[in-house]
Amino acid sequence: MPRGQVRSAALEYGIVAFSIYKFTASKEYSHQKMLIYKNRWLLHIMKIVLIQPPSGTPSLKVPPLGLGYITAVLKRNQVEAKVIDLNVENIDLSTYLSLEKPEIIGISSVVTNARRALEIAKQSKSILPRSFVVMGGPYPSMMGDRLLTGHREVDAAVVGEAEFTFLELVKRLQDGKSLDVVGGLIFREDEGIRSNQMSNPIYPLDRIPYPAREELKMPLYEENGGSMFTSRGCPQQCIFCSRPVFGRKWRGHSPEYVLEEIEHLIKHYKMSTLSILDDNFTVDLTRAEKILDGIIAKKWKLAIYFWNGMRVDHMTKTLMLKLKRAGCTAINFGVESVDPDVIEFIRKGVSLDQIEQAIKLTRELGIIANVFLMIGNPGDNAKVVDKIIDFVEKVHVDGVHLSMSTPLMGTKFWDWVETNGRWLDYDHEELLDWPIDDTDESYPVFETIDFSADERIRSYRKTRNILKEKGLLI
């Protein structure tokens, strides 16, 4: 997955795409039950299924928390939904759709599974031709109305956080009302495409319930079942980072909410490993320390892994000591480059000295210090190989996630490539063949005068091979 998109979420595993079977009065619907809600309105009960497509990385099996959040909000409003994660469940989707005839089909979509997500949308239309397909997540949030223009099988797209947008969408479809007031929705209207005003970021975050993990096959995720978000958004200005769902406005759950969710994971799912997926856990250091204080006070025996990249300039001695006492075993630092000029150009907002000091302090406390690094940043050239190897040997990092630097639409990095680079022969209109990072097979999608495509490939493979030989490649 391209950096800046979801390491978080993950992998924001995200915000879902939906296919809503259009309500008709035909005999096909005579078997459906009817329900009188508390407000005494007679509504058609809609059968809902939310689908997580394969990620493209078979070894990566993380609960689709985005689907879990949406399902939890639906359940709070007396709407049931089934979740299918094709990363862990062996289900014949065609058979399921044909037999169950769900009226709402959700398909999550990030850039690296967008092709598969669109195939599922097309498959849904073929089997259930009156379906109303709505996609959501990082990919459609980034593509906007271009997605509907290029894919007739998609009737609408949810842009941004989908929990309350989708709930409102369901209510209005059930009531037969117009969709023109559903915030964050792009949809087909008559022969055109309409884009509604964006919804505001959800605040306070404690408004949403925990993900409905009871609807997931939790045992299939093993230790990754303890994955969770404690915050959303990131205010930093890194030029490569795309935040089409959570945005730049940082919002954190209260320490009380976070501690209750951890206790829920321990009590109901026997979790002893936590993977924190936040884009930026330490924006509010007071909140971060209160969460750690709570874990320490409760004497939980946890192994805590900060998967998505902590900022090195937030690593105070006080925070690090509390991380150690709370059970932190490993931290992935979002370093991206070890060249001071490149670090400044990509707007990381940190110095090489801060990076080295944070890694040193982490390892001194017995916590594993891993780093995210990219090859092909603006300003990189073939010398990047030696710079990376010199760095990892000097600071003694424990592991490296190495990826090919890949621009995403809507970022300053994308704009820089448009002006200073040359796109290679890949789809930079829909990004359907954009590479999955952290793999040997990753490839560049652009080149520059200073760093050709061939040089990028050779540098990337050489660095990965050296890191493998040293036992550092993750």
Protein backbone atom coordinates (compact mmCIF):
# COMPACT_ATOMS: atom_id res chain seq x y z
CA MET A 1 0.00 0.00 0.00
CA PRO A 2 1.46 3.41 -0.89
CA ARG A 3 2.85 5.23 2.15
CA GLY A 4 0.60 7.97 3.39
CA GLN A 5 -2.52 6.05 2.52
CA VAL A 6 -3.00 3.74 4.92
CA ARG A 7 -0.33 2.41 6.49
CA SER A 8 -3.23 3.44 8.56
CA ALA A 9 -5.49 2.11 8.16
CA ALA A 10 -4.77 1.15 7.78
CA LEU A 11 -5.27 0.46 6.37
CA GLU A 12 -8.04 2.66 7.60
CA TYR A 13 -9.40 -0.68 6.61
CA GLY A 14 -11.80 1.21 6.06
CA ILE A 15 -14.63 3.16 5.19
CA VAL A 16 -16.91 0.96 3.27
CA ALA A 17 -18.40 0.82 -0.17
CA PHE A 18 -22.00 -0.07 -0.36
CA SER A 19 -24.46 -1.61 -2.74
CA ILE A 20 -28.06 -0.93 -1.87
CA TYR A 21 -30.62 -3.11 -3.53
CA LYS A 22 -33.26 -0.74 -4.82
CA PHE A 23 -36.55 -1.11 -3.02
CA THR A 24 -39.38 -2.12 -5.30
CA ALA A 25 -42.88 -3.44 -4.78
CA SER A 26 -42.28 -6.60 -6.80
CA LYS A 27 -43.10 -10.11 -5.55
CA GLU A 28 -39.36 -10.63 -5.11
CA TYR A 29 -39.65 -8.66 -1.89
CA SER A 30 -42.77 -10.33 -0.49
CA HIS A 31 -40.67 -12.50 1.82
CA GLN A 32 -39.14 -9.46 3.52
CA LYS A 33 -40.35 -8.69 7.00
CA MET A 34 -41.71 -5.31 8.05
CA LEU A 35 -40.96 -3.52 11.27
CA ILE A 36 -42.69 -0.72 13.15
CA TYR A 37 -39.99 1.44 14.74
CA LYS A 38 -40.58 3.45 17.89
CA ASN A 39 -41.61 6.43 15.80
CA ARG A 40 -44.43 4.25 14.40
CA TRP A 41 -43.23 4.50 10.77
CA LEU A 42 -43.59 1.34 8.71
CA LEU A 43 -40.20 0.56 7.17
CA HIS A 44 -38.85 -2.11 4.91
CA ILE A 45 -36.15 -4.14 6.65
CA MET A 46 -33.07 -4.05 4.47
CA LYS A 47 -30.62 -6.94 4.40
CA ILE A 48 -27.10 -5.55 4.66
CA VAL A 49 -23.72 -7.15 4.02
CA LEU A 50 -20.41 -5.30 4.22
CA ILE A 51 -17.46 -6.82 2.35
CA GLN A 52 -13.73 -6.35 2.87
CA PRO A 53 -11.93 -7.27 -0.39
CA PRO A 54 -8.55 -9.02 -0.35
CA SER A 55 -5.80 -6.56 0.57
CA GLY A 56 -3.26 -7.85 -1.95
CA THR A 57 -0.97 -8.86 0.93
CA PRO A 58 -2.07 -12.37 1.98
CA SER A 59 -0.04 -12.32 5.20
CA LEU A 60 -1.68 -9.10 6.39
CA LYS A 61 -4.78 -10.12 8.33
CA VAL A 62 -6.15 -7.24 10.38
CA PRO A 63 -9.78 -6.79 11.46
CA PRO A 64 -11.63 -4.39 9.13
CA LEU A 65 -12.27 -1.84 11.84
CA GLY A 66 -13.92 0.61 9.45
CA LEU A 67 -16.65 -1.93 8.71
CA GLY A 68 -16.82 -2.63 12.43
CA TYR A 69 -17.45 1.03 13.27
CA ILE A 70 -20.14 1.36 10.60
CA THR A 71 -21.82 -1.84 11.78
CA ALA A 72 -21.76 -0.62 15.37
CA VAL A 73 -23.45 2.66 14.44
CA LEU A 74 -26.07 0.76 12.44
CA LYS A 75 -26.76 -1.62 15.33
CA ARG A 76 -27.13 1.28 17.73
CA ASN A 77 -29.94 2.42 15.41
CA GLN A 78 -31.62 -1.02 15.24
CA VAL A 79 -30.17 -1.87 11.83
CA GLU A 80 -28.44 -5.24 11.48
CA ALA A 81 -25.52 -5.91 9.13
CA LYS A 82 -23.33 -8.87 8.22
CA VAL A 83 -19.58 -8.40 7.69
CA ILE A 84 -17.53 -10.58 5.32
CA ASP A 85 -13.74 -10.24 5.26
CA LEU A 86 -12.38 -11.97 2.18
CA ASN A 87 -8.88 -11.78 3.66
CA VAL A 88 -9.75 -14.46 6.21
CA GLU A 89 -13.06 -16.02 5.11
CA ASN A 90 -13.37 -18.58 2.33
CA ILE A 91 -16.71 -17.57 0.85
CA ASP A 92 -17.95 -17.91 -2.71
CA LEU A 93 -19.28 -14.41 -3.17
CA SER A 94 -21.41 -15.18 -6.23
CA THR A 95 -23.18 -17.97 -4.39
CA TYR A 96 -23.69 -15.83 -1.31
CA LEU A 97 -25.17 -12.94 -3.30
CA SER A 98 -27.41 -15.22 -5.34
CA LEU A 99 -28.80 -17.03 -2.30
CA GLU A 100 -29.02 -14.22 0.25
CA LYS A 101 -29.94 -11.36 -2.10
CA PRO A 102 -28.69 -8.68 0.27
CA GLU A 103 -30.18 -5.28 -0.33
CA ILE A 104 -27.13 -3.43 0.91
CA ILE A 105 -23.70 -4.67 -0.15
CA GLY A 106 -20.68 -2.92 1.30
CA ILE A 107 -17.31 -2.99 -0.47
CA SER A 108 -14.38 -1.25 1.20
CA SER A 109 -11.78 0.33 -1.05
CA VAL A 110 -8.21 1.50 -0.64
CA VAL A 111 -5.92 2.20 -3.61
CA THR A 112 -4.23 -1.19 -3.62
CA ASN A 113 -7.45 -3.22 -3.62
CA ALA A 114 -9.45 -0.80 -5.78
CA ARG A 115 -9.40 -3.06 -8.83
CA ARG A 116 -10.80 -5.97 -6.80
CA ALA A 117 -13.34 -3.69 -5.12
CA LEU A 118 -14.60 -2.53 -8.52
CA GLU A 119 -14.80 -6.14 -9.69
CA ILE A 120 -17.00 -6.92 -6.69
CA ALA A 121 -19.18 -3.91 -7.47
CA LYS A 122 -19.57 -5.12 -11.06
CA GLN A 123 -20.25 -8.65 -9.85
CA SER A 124 -22.96 -7.30 -7.54
CA LYS A 125 -24.62 -5.43 -10.39
CA SER A 126 -24.54 -8.52 -12.57
CA ILE A 127 -26.17 -10.75 -9.96
CA LEU A 128 -28.42 -8.09 -8.43
CA PRO A 129 -29.01 -5.70 -11.36
CA ARG A 130 -31.23 -3.28 -9.43
CA SER A 131 -28.57 -2.74 -6.79
CA PHE A 132 -27.52 0.80 -5.92
CA VAL A 133 -23.75 0.63 -5.52
CA VAL A 134 -22.01 3.07 -3.20
CA MET A 135 -18.26 2.93 -2.71
CA GLY A 136 -16.34 4.54 0.10
CA GLY A 137 -12.96 4.62 1.79
CA PRO A 138 -9.58 6.14 0.91
CA TYR A 139 -9.82 5.27 -2.80
CA PRO A 140 -13.24 6.72 -3.68
CA SER A 141 -12.69 9.61 -1.25
CA MET A 142 -9.60 10.48 -3.28
CA MET A 143 -11.20 9.87 -6.70
CA GLY A 144 -14.45 11.74 -6.06
CA ASP A 145 -16.89 12.07 -8.97
CA ARG A 146 -14.25 10.69 -11.38
CA LEU A 147 -15.07 7.28 -9.93
CA LEU A 148 -18.71 7.52 -10.99
CA THR A 149 -17.78 8.98 -14.36
CA GLY A 150 -15.57 6.01 -15.18
CA HIS A 151 -17.63 3.20 -13.63
CA ARG A 152 -21.32 2.86 -14.36
CA GLU A 153 -21.57 0.03 -11.86
CA VAL A 154 -21.00 2.58 -9.09
CA ASP A 155 -24.06 4.71 -8.29
CA ALA A 156 -22.57 6.73 -5.44
CA ALA A 157 -19.47 7.30 -3.34
CA VAL A 158 -19.07 8.15 0.34
CA VAL A 159 -16.32 10.71 0.80
CA GLY A 160 -14.66 10.93 4.21
CA GLU A 161 -15.82 9.24 7.40
CA ALA A 162 -18.78 7.03 6.59
CA GLU A 163 -20.36 6.02 9.91
CA PHE A 164 -23.09 8.67 10.04
CA THR A 165 -23.21 9.29 6.29
CA PHE A 166 -24.18 5.70 5.66
CA LEU A 167 -26.70 5.64 8.49
CA GLU A 168 -28.40 8.73 7.03
CA LEU A 169 -28.26 7.18 3.56
CA VAL A 170 -30.07 4.06 4.78
CA LYS A 171 -32.73 6.09 6.56
CA ARG A 172 -33.46 8.23 3.53
CA LEU A 173 -33.57 5.27 1.17
CA GLN A 174 -36.00 3.52 3.49
CA ASP A 175 -38.16 6.63 3.68
CA GLY A 176 -37.99 7.25 -0.06
CA LYS A 177 -36.48 10.69 0.51
CA SER A 178 -34.00 12.60 -1.62
CA LEU A 179 -30.29 11.99 -1.09
CA ASP A 180 -29.33 15.59 -1.73
CA VAL A 181 -28.86 16.38 1.97
CA VAL A 182 -26.69 13.39 2.86
CA GLY A 183 -23.36 14.99 3.73
CA GLY A 184 -20.29 13.47 2.10
CA LEU A 185 -22.24 11.67 -0.64
CA ILE A 186 -21.60 11.77 -4.39
CA PHE A 187 -24.38 10.11 -6.37
CA ARG A 188 -26.09 9.81 -9.73
CA GLU A 189 -29.10 12.06 -10.16
CA ASP A 190 -31.10 11.80 -13.38
CA GLU A 191 -28.40 11.74 -16.07
CA GLY A 192 -25.80 13.65 -14.07
CA ILE A 193 -23.60 13.31 -11.01
CA ARG A 194 -24.22 15.35 -7.86
CA SER A 195 -21.67 16.06 -5.11
CA ASN A 196 -23.13 16.97 -1.73
CA GLN A 197 -21.31 19.13 0.77
CA MET A 198 -18.68 17.30 2.82
CA SER A 199 -19.59 16.23 6.33
CA ASN A 200 -17.63 17.70 9.20
CA PRO A 201 -15.09 15.38 10.85
CA ILE A 202 -16.73 13.36 13.63
CA TYR A 203 -16.21 15.18 16.93
CA PRO A 204 -16.03 14.24 19.68
CA LEU A 205 -14.89 10.79 18.63
CA ASP A 206 -16.48 9.22 21.69
CA ARG A 207 -19.81 9.69 19.86
CA ILE A 208 -19.15 6.47 17.95
CA PRO A 209 -19.28 3.07 19.67
CA TYR A 210 -16.46 0.52 19.62
CA PRO A 211 -16.23 -1.47 16.38
CA ALA A 212 -18.78 -4.30 16.32
CA ARG A 213 -16.12 -7.00 16.70
CA GLU A 214 -18.86 -9.48 17.58
CA GLU A 215 -19.74 -9.41 13.87
CA LEU A 216 -16.16 -10.32 12.85
CA LYS A 217 -14.45 -13.72 12.83
CA MET A 218 -12.09 -12.57 15.58
CA PRO A 219 -10.20 -15.88 16.12
CA LEU A 220 -9.03 -15.77 12.49
CA TYR A 221 -6.99 -12.61 13.15
CA GLU A 222 -4.98 -14.23 15.95
CA GLU A 223 -2.79 -11.64 17.73
CA ASN A 224 -3.79 -8.94 15.22
CA GLY A 225 -7.28 -9.13 16.70
CA GLY A 226 -6.10 -6.54 19.22
CA SER A 227 -5.77 -3.82 16.56
CA MET A 228 -7.43 -0.53 17.47
CA PHE A 229 -7.58 3.20 16.80
CA THR A 230 -7.37 5.68 19.68
CA SER A 231 -7.43 8.76 17.42
CA ARG A 232 -8.06 9.93 13.86
CA GLY A 233 -6.32 12.43 11.62
CA CYS A 234 -2.88 14.00 11.56
CA PRO A 235 -1.97 17.72 11.46
CA GLN A 236 1.51 17.23 9.99
CA GLN A 237 2.36 18.51 6.50
CA CYS A 238 4.29 15.59 4.93
CA ILE A 239 4.04 16.04 1.17
CA PHE A 240 3.46 12.35 0.42
CA CYS A 241 0.61 11.74 2.84
CA SER A 242 -3.00 11.46 1.68
CA ARG A 243 -5.73 11.72 4.30
CA PRO A 244 -8.95 11.52 2.26
CA VAL A 245 -10.97 9.88 5.06
CA PHE A 246 -9.70 10.99 8.48
CA GLY A 247 -8.30 14.34 7.32
CA ARG A 248 -5.76 16.69 8.88
CA LYS A 249 -7.84 17.62 11.92
CA TRP A 250 -6.60 15.42 14.73
CA ARG A 251 -9.24 14.05 17.10
CA GLY A 252 -8.62 11.67 19.97
CA HIS A 253 -10.86 9.39 21.97
CA SER A 254 -10.85 10.23 25.65
CA PRO A 255 -8.50 8.17 27.84
CA GLU A 256 -11.58 6.69 29.53
CA TYR A 257 -13.00 5.50 26.20
CA VAL A 258 -9.67 3.97 25.15
CA LEU A 259 -9.19 2.14 28.44
CA GLU A 260 -12.73 0.77 28.32
CA GLU A 261 -12.17 -0.52 24.78
CA ILE A 262 -8.92 -2.21 25.83
CA GLU A 263 -10.72 -3.81 28.74
CA HIS A 264 -13.42 -5.00 26.33
CA LEU A 265 -10.74 -6.63 24.14
CA ILE A 266 -9.19 -8.34 27.16
CA LYS A 267 -12.47 -9.50 28.69
CA HIS A 268 -14.35 -10.64 25.59
CA TYR A 269 -11.54 -11.71 23.24
CA LYS A 270 -8.72 -12.62 25.65
CA MET A 271 -6.38 -10.22 23.86
CA SER A 272 -2.92 -9.74 25.33
CA THR A 273 -1.42 -7.95 22.29
CA LEU A 274 -2.51 -4.48 21.24
CA SER A 275 -1.64 -2.96 17.86
CA ILE A 276 -2.22 0.80 17.82
CA LEU A 277 -3.04 1.95 14.29
CA ASP A 278 -3.27 5.71 14.86
CA ASP A 279 -1.71 8.04 12.31
CA ASN A 280 -0.38 10.12 15.19
CA PHE A 281 -0.90 8.76 18.72
CA THR A 282 1.08 11.50 20.48
CA VAL A 283 -0.40 14.76 19.13
CA ASP A 284 -1.85 15.31 22.62
CA LEU A 285 0.92 14.12 24.95
CA THR A 286 -1.23 14.62 28.06
CA ARG A 287 -3.89 12.30 26.65
CA ALA A 288 -1.28 9.76 25.56
CA GLU A 289 0.29 9.68 29.02
CA LYS A 290 -3.13 9.34 30.71
CA ILE A 291 -3.87 6.28 28.56
CA LEU A 292 -0.53 4.74 29.51
CA ASP A 293 -1.05 5.65 33.20
CA GLY A 294 -4.40 3.87 33.09
CA ILE A 295 -2.88 0.72 31.61
CA ILE A 296 -0.14 0.75 34.25
CA ALA A 297 -2.63 1.32 37.08
CA LYS A 298 -4.80 -1.60 35.97
CA LYS A 299 -1.72 -3.86 35.86
CA TRP A 300 -2.74 -5.41 32.56
CA LYS A 301 -0.13 -7.74 31.12
CA LEU A 302 -0.04 -6.44 27.56
CA ALA A 303 2.36 -6.40 24.62
CA ILE A 304 1.72 -3.08 22.87
CA TYR A 305 2.88 -2.49 19.31
CA PHE A 306 2.69 0.95 17.65
CA TRP A 307 2.30 -0.24 14.10
CA ASN A 308 1.63 2.87 12.08
CA GLY A 309 4.58 5.09 12.78
CA MET A 310 5.29 7.28 15.82
CA ARG A 311 6.87 10.72 15.39
CA VAL A 312 10.41 10.91 16.73
CA ASP A 313 10.02 14.51 17.93
CA HIS A 314 7.31 13.43 20.40
CA MET A 315 9.48 10.85 22.16
CA THR A 316 10.11 12.49 25.54
CA LYS A 317 11.90 10.56 28.27
CA THR A 318 8.75 10.66 30.43
CA LEU A 319 6.60 9.25 27.62
CA MET A 320 9.11 6.53 26.78
CA LEU A 321 9.34 5.36 30.40
CA LYS A 322 5.56 5.12 30.58
CA LEU A 323 5.44 3.25 27.27
CA LYS A 324 7.88 0.71 28.69
CA ARG A 325 5.94 0.29 31.95
CA ALA A 326 2.64 -0.09 30.07
CA GLY A 327 4.04 -3.00 28.05
CA CYS A 328 5.22 -1.43 24.79
CA THR A 329 7.37 -3.96 22.97
CA ALA A 330 7.87 -2.34 19.55
CA ILE A 331 7.50 1.01 17.79
CA ASN A 332 7.56 1.75 14.07
CA PHE A 333 8.97 5.23 13.51
CA GLY A 334 7.89 7.16 10.41
CA VAL A 335 11.37 8.22 9.28
CA GLU A 336 10.89 8.02 5.46
CA SER A 337 14.37 9.36 4.57
CA VAL A 338 17.83 9.59 6.18
CA ASP A 339 19.00 12.46 3.96
CA PRO A 340 18.64 15.81 5.82
CA ASP A 341 17.86 17.71 2.60
CA VAL A 342 15.18 15.20 1.60
CA ILE A 343 13.71 15.19 5.11
CA GLU A 344 13.31 18.95 4.88
CA PHE A 345 11.88 18.86 1.37
CA ILE A 346 9.19 16.28 2.20
CA ARG A 347 8.23 18.36 5.24
CA LYS A 348 8.72 15.77 7.92
CA GLY A 349 9.39 18.54 10.41
CA VAL A 350 12.14 16.61 12.22
CA SER A 351 15.93 16.48 12.12
CA LEU A 352 18.21 13.51 11.59
CA ASP A 353 19.54 14.05 15.11
CA GLN A 354 16.02 13.75 16.56
CA ILE A 355 15.55 10.52 14.63
CA GLU A 356 18.79 9.06 15.95
CA GLN A 357 18.09 10.11 19.54
CA ALA A 358 14.57 8.65 19.55
CA ILE A 359 15.81 5.31 18.23
CA LYS A 360 18.68 5.28 20.74
CA LEU A 361 16.36 5.96 23.70
CA THR A 362 13.84 3.36 22.51
CA ARG A 363 16.46 0.63 22.25
CA GLU A 364 18.03 1.57 25.59
CA LEU A 365 14.69 0.87 27.24
CA GLY A 366 14.50 -2.55 25.60
CA ILE A 367 11.78 -1.58 23.11
CA ILE A 368 12.19 -2.72 19.49
CA ALA A 369 12.80 0.27 17.20
CA ASN A 370 11.72 -0.21 13.58
CA VAL A 371 11.62 2.45 10.86
CA PHE A 372 9.65 3.17 7.71
CA LEU A 373 11.92 4.23 4.84
CA MET A 374 11.22 5.05 1.19
CA ILE A 375 13.36 5.02 -1.93
CA GLY A 376 12.53 7.56 -4.63
CA ASN A 377 11.61 10.64 -2.59
CA PRO A 378 12.07 14.03 -4.26
CA GLY A 379 15.80 14.70 -4.14
CA ASP A 380 16.80 11.02 -4.01
CA ASN A 381 19.30 9.48 -6.40
CA ALA A 382 21.25 6.22 -6.66
CA LYS A 383 23.33 7.20 -3.61
CA VAL A 384 20.28 6.55 -1.42
CA VAL A 385 21.36 2.90 -1.01
CA ASP A 386 24.61 3.76 0.78
CA LYS A 387 22.89 6.42 2.88
CA ILE A 388 20.28 3.96 4.15
CA ILE A 389 22.76 1.19 4.93
CA ASP A 390 25.12 3.62 6.69
CA PHE A 391 22.21 4.90 8.78
CA VAL A 392 20.85 1.52 9.92
CA GLU A 393 24.35 0.37 10.87
CA LYS A 394 25.09 3.58 12.75
CA VAL A 395 21.91 3.72 14.84
CA HIS A 396 21.37 -0.06 15.09
CA VAL A 397 17.70 -0.11 14.15
CA ASP A 398 15.94 -3.41 14.77
CA GLY A 399 13.97 -3.53 11.53
CA VAL A 400 13.15 -1.64 8.34
CA HIS A 401 9.91 -1.39 6.37
CA LEU A 402 11.21 -0.37 2.93
CA SER A 403 8.90 0.84 0.20
CA MET A 404 9.05 2.52 -3.18
CA SER A 405 8.03 6.16 -2.87
CA THR A 406 4.68 6.38 -4.66
CA PRO A 407 2.62 9.59 -5.06
CA LEU A 408 -1.10 9.75 -4.43
CA MET A 409 -3.63 12.13 -5.95
CA GLY A 410 -4.26 15.31 -4.03
CA THR A 411 -0.83 15.43 -2.39
CA LYS A 412 2.03 17.91 -2.82
CA PHE A 413 4.13 14.94 -3.90
CA TRP A 414 1.76 14.30 -6.82
CA ASP A 415 1.98 17.94 -7.84
CA TRP A 416 5.78 17.78 -7.65
CA VAL A 417 5.88 14.78 -9.99
CA GLU A 418 3.58 16.54 -12.45
CA THR A 419 6.09 19.41 -12.65
CA ASN A 420 9.45 17.73 -12.10
CA GLY A 421 9.05 14.09 -13.12
CA ARG A 422 7.78 11.86 -15.89
CA TRP A 423 5.00 9.35 -15.36
CA LEU A 424 5.82 5.83 -16.48
CA ASP A 425 3.44 3.62 -18.43
CA TYR A 426 1.09 2.90 -15.54
CA ASP A 427 -2.46 4.02 -14.91
CA HIS A 428 -2.13 7.41 -13.21
CA GLU A 429 -5.73 8.29 -14.01
CA GLU A 430 -7.39 5.66 -11.81
CA LEU A 431 -4.32 4.16 -10.07
CA LEU A 432 -5.61 0.64 -10.62
CA ASP A 433 -2.09 -0.74 -11.11
CA TRP A 434 -0.41 1.29 -8.37
CA PRO A 435 2.06 -0.93 -6.48
CA ILE A 436 1.75 -2.48 -3.04
CA ASP A 437 4.70 -1.35 -0.97
CA ASP A 438 6.86 -3.33 1.45
CA THR A 439 7.20 -6.09 -1.16
CA ASP A 440 10.06 -7.24 -3.38
CA GLU A 441 7.85 -6.76 -6.44
CA SER A 442 7.16 -3.05 -5.87
CA TYR A 443 8.03 -0.74 -8.77
CA PRO A 444 8.28 3.01 -9.52
CA VAL A 445 5.46 4.80 -11.31
CA PHE A 446 7.55 7.86 -12.24
CA GLU A 447 11.15 8.86 -12.86
CA THR A 448 13.24 12.02 -12.85
CA ILE A 449 16.35 13.23 -14.68
CA ASP A 450 18.39 12.55 -11.52
CA PHE A 451 16.92 9.13 -10.78
CA SER A 452 15.73 7.00 -13.71
CA ALA A 453 13.21 4.17 -13.43
CA ASP A 454 15.94 1.54 -13.91
CA GLU A 455 18.09 3.15 -11.22
CA ARG A 456 15.14 3.24 -8.84
CA ILE A 457 14.43 -0.46 -9.36
CA ARG A 458 18.09 -1.43 -8.93
CA SER A 459 18.47 0.73 -5.82
CA TYR A 460 15.28 -0.61 -4.29
CA ARG A 461 16.16 -4.27 -4.87
CA LYS A 462 19.78 -3.81 -3.79
CA THR A 463 18.73 -2.14 -0.53
CA ARG A 464 16.16 -4.83 0.22
CA ASN A 465 18.73 -7.57 -0.43
CA ILE A 466 21.30 -5.97 1.87
CA LEU A 467 18.70 -5.49 4.60
CA LYS A 468 17.62 -9.11 4.20
CA GLU A 469 21.21 -10.31 4.59
CA LYS A 470 21.49 -8.28 7.79
CA GLY A 471 18.19 -9.65 9.09
CA LEU A 472 16.64 -6.18 9.18
CA LEU A 473 14.01 -6.25 6.43
CA ILE A 474 10.47 -6.51 7.74
